[in-house]
Amino acid sequence: MNDKHSGNCFCGAVGVEVTGAPEGMGYCHCESCRAWSAGPVNAFTLWKPQNVRVTKGKESIGHYQKSATSDRQFCTQCGGHVMTDHPGLGLTDVYAAILPTLKFEPGVHVNYADTVLRMHDGLPKLRDFPSELGGSGEALPE
């Protein structure tokens, strides 16, 4: 796996670079991620914050914090979603869609109890989050 990937918001004003390997990749089905992404599911890549760097347009990053667990960040020029900091988890989600050179290899579905789109891909489907991240770790049937 290449150890550096770059991406941009929709208009290109905000640039982000990630280094190393992600801590995890998968799909989130919670209502908040669905509403934020305007889609039935959100593809995430999780990184240690020190491995995520804004390379341009820091002044154009807006924030929306619905809860203390997620600081969602977007471009104030185009509205394009860039990333979400999860301070309680010590992780940053850089949306898979803005990292075109990263081979997306999902390993899990989280918050599958809230899904509106059943996905039959053989990956584990968790009711909420893995137990090591404070969830129940309970698996659901595909």
Protein backbone atom coordinates (compact mmCIF):
# COMPACT_ATOMS: atom_id res chain seq x y z
CA MET A 1 0.00 0.00 0.00
CA ASN A 2 1.36 3.41 -1.00
CA ASP A 3 1.97 5.33 2.19
CA LYS A 4 0.77 8.77 1.00
CA HIS A 5 -2.57 9.72 -0.54
CA SER A 6 -3.98 13.11 -1.40
CA GLY A 7 -7.46 14.34 -2.01
CA ASN A 8 -9.55 17.47 -2.33
CA CYS A 9 -13.00 18.77 -1.64
CA PHE A 10 -15.45 19.03 -4.53
CA CYS A 11 -14.05 22.35 -5.87
CA GLY A 12 -10.42 21.66 -5.00
CA ALA A 13 -10.02 24.57 -2.55
CA VAL A 14 -9.28 22.25 0.38
CA GLY A 15 -6.58 19.63 0.06
CA VAL A 16 -5.85 16.77 2.45
CA GLU A 17 -3.00 14.30 2.64
CA VAL A 18 -2.91 11.07 4.63
CA THR A 19 0.22 9.03 5.35
CA GLY A 20 0.78 5.50 6.50
CA ALA A 21 -2.00 2.96 6.58
CA PRO A 22 -5.51 3.61 7.79
CA GLU A 23 -6.52 2.19 11.16
CA GLY A 24 -9.63 0.81 9.55
CA MET A 25 -12.02 1.11 6.62
CA GLY A 26 -15.66 0.31 6.31
CA TYR A 27 -19.20 1.54 6.00
CA CYS A 28 -21.32 3.48 8.48
CA HIS A 29 -25.10 3.17 8.32
CA CYS A 30 -26.10 5.55 11.15
CA GLU A 31 -28.75 8.21 10.53
CA SER A 32 -26.23 11.04 11.07
CA CYS A 33 -23.78 9.74 8.46
CA ARG A 34 -26.60 9.03 6.01
CA ALA A 35 -28.03 12.54 6.40
CA TRP A 36 -24.60 14.20 6.26
CA SER A 37 -23.51 12.29 3.16
CA ALA A 38 -26.93 12.49 1.48
CA GLY A 39 -26.65 8.78 0.76
CA PRO A 40 -27.81 5.46 2.17
CA VAL A 41 -24.34 4.63 3.56
CA ASN A 42 -21.01 6.40 4.20
CA ALA A 43 -17.65 4.86 3.29
CA PHE A 44 -15.03 5.73 5.91
CA THR A 45 -11.28 5.51 6.28
CA LEU A 46 -9.98 6.03 9.81
CA TRP A 47 -6.58 7.57 10.51
CA LYS A 48 -4.59 8.66 13.51
CA PRO A 49 -4.87 12.46 13.55
CA GLN A 50 -1.09 12.90 13.20
CA ASN A 51 -1.34 11.07 9.85
CA VAL A 52 -3.82 13.58 8.40
CA ARG A 53 -2.66 16.94 7.10
CA VAL A 54 -4.54 19.77 5.43
CA THR A 55 -2.29 20.75 2.52
CA LYS A 56 -4.27 23.75 1.28
CA GLY A 57 -7.34 25.76 2.08
CA LYS A 58 -7.31 25.46 5.87
CA GLU A 59 -9.06 28.85 6.01
CA SER A 60 -11.88 27.37 3.91
CA ILE A 61 -12.69 24.54 6.30
CA GLY A 62 -16.01 24.88 8.09
CA HIS A 63 -17.08 22.78 11.05
CA TYR A 64 -20.36 21.30 12.15
CA GLN A 65 -20.52 19.53 15.49
CA LYS A 66 -23.90 17.90 16.13
CA SER A 67 -22.43 16.01 19.09
CA ALA A 68 -19.18 15.91 21.06
CA THR A 69 -18.21 12.68 19.27
CA SER A 70 -17.95 14.09 15.74
CA ASP A 71 -16.50 17.33 14.35
CA ARG A 72 -17.60 17.21 10.70
CA GLN A 73 -15.51 19.34 8.35
CA PHE A 74 -16.43 20.71 4.95
CA CYS A 75 -15.30 23.28 2.40
CA THR A 76 -17.01 26.63 2.95
CA GLN A 77 -16.66 27.43 -0.77
CA CYS A 78 -18.33 24.39 -2.33
CA GLY A 79 -19.84 22.57 0.66
CA GLY A 80 -17.85 19.44 -0.19
CA HIS A 81 -17.34 17.12 2.75
CA VAL A 82 -13.74 16.45 3.69
CA MET A 83 -13.36 14.65 7.03
CA THR A 84 -14.69 14.12 10.53
CA ASP A 85 -12.60 14.24 13.69
CA HIS A 86 -13.65 11.77 16.38
CA PRO A 87 -11.77 13.12 19.42
CA GLY A 88 -13.08 10.49 21.84
CA LEU A 89 -11.78 7.73 19.59
CA GLY A 90 -8.51 9.46 18.72
CA LEU A 91 -9.29 8.98 15.02
CA THR A 92 -10.07 11.08 11.97
CA ASP A 93 -12.37 9.83 9.23
CA VAL A 94 -11.20 11.06 5.84
CA TYR A 95 -14.04 10.16 3.52
CA ALA A 96 -13.03 7.37 1.16
CA ALA A 97 -14.53 9.25 -1.79
CA ILE A 98 -11.94 12.05 -1.59
CA LEU A 99 -8.92 9.73 -1.61
CA PRO A 100 -8.87 8.49 -5.22
CA THR A 101 -5.53 6.64 -4.99
CA LEU A 102 -6.34 4.76 -1.79
CA LYS A 103 -7.52 1.23 -2.48
CA PHE A 104 -10.69 1.07 -0.42
CA GLU A 105 -10.75 -2.27 1.41
CA PRO A 106 -13.68 -2.20 3.82
CA GLY A 107 -13.52 -4.54 6.78
CA VAL A 108 -16.77 -3.88 8.63
CA HIS A 109 -20.21 -2.29 8.62
CA VAL A 110 -20.98 -0.21 11.73
CA ASN A 111 -24.38 0.92 12.99
CA TYR A 112 -25.99 -1.72 10.78
CA ALA A 113 -29.05 -1.77 13.03
CA ASP A 114 -29.91 1.60 11.44
CA THR A 115 -29.34 0.55 7.83
CA VAL A 116 -31.71 1.50 5.03
CA LEU A 117 -29.64 -0.38 2.43
CA ARG A 118 -28.91 -4.05 3.07
CA MET A 119 -25.51 -5.00 1.70
CA HIS A 120 -24.65 -8.64 1.04
CA ASP A 121 -20.87 -8.58 0.87
CA GLY A 122 -19.78 -11.09 3.52
CA LEU A 123 -18.33 -8.41 5.81
CA PRO A 124 -19.20 -8.32 9.52
CA LYS A 125 -22.31 -6.26 10.26
CA LEU A 126 -22.20 -4.69 13.72
CA ARG A 127 -25.27 -3.40 15.55
CA ASP A 128 -23.28 -0.32 16.58
CA PHE A 129 -19.48 -0.16 17.05
CA PRO A 130 -16.76 -2.67 17.85
CA SER A 131 -16.41 -3.23 21.60
CA GLU A 132 -12.87 -1.79 21.57
CA LEU A 133 -14.40 1.52 20.39
CA GLY A 134 -17.07 1.53 23.09
CA GLY A 135 -19.82 -0.31 21.22
CA SER A 136 -21.53 -3.58 21.94
CA GLY A 137 -19.56 -5.47 19.29
CA GLU A 138 -22.79 -7.36 18.57
CA ALA A 139 -22.88 -8.87 15.10
CA LEU A 140 -26.08 -8.86 13.06
CA PRO A 141 -27.06 -11.23 10.25
CA GLU A 142 -26.47 -10.10 6.69
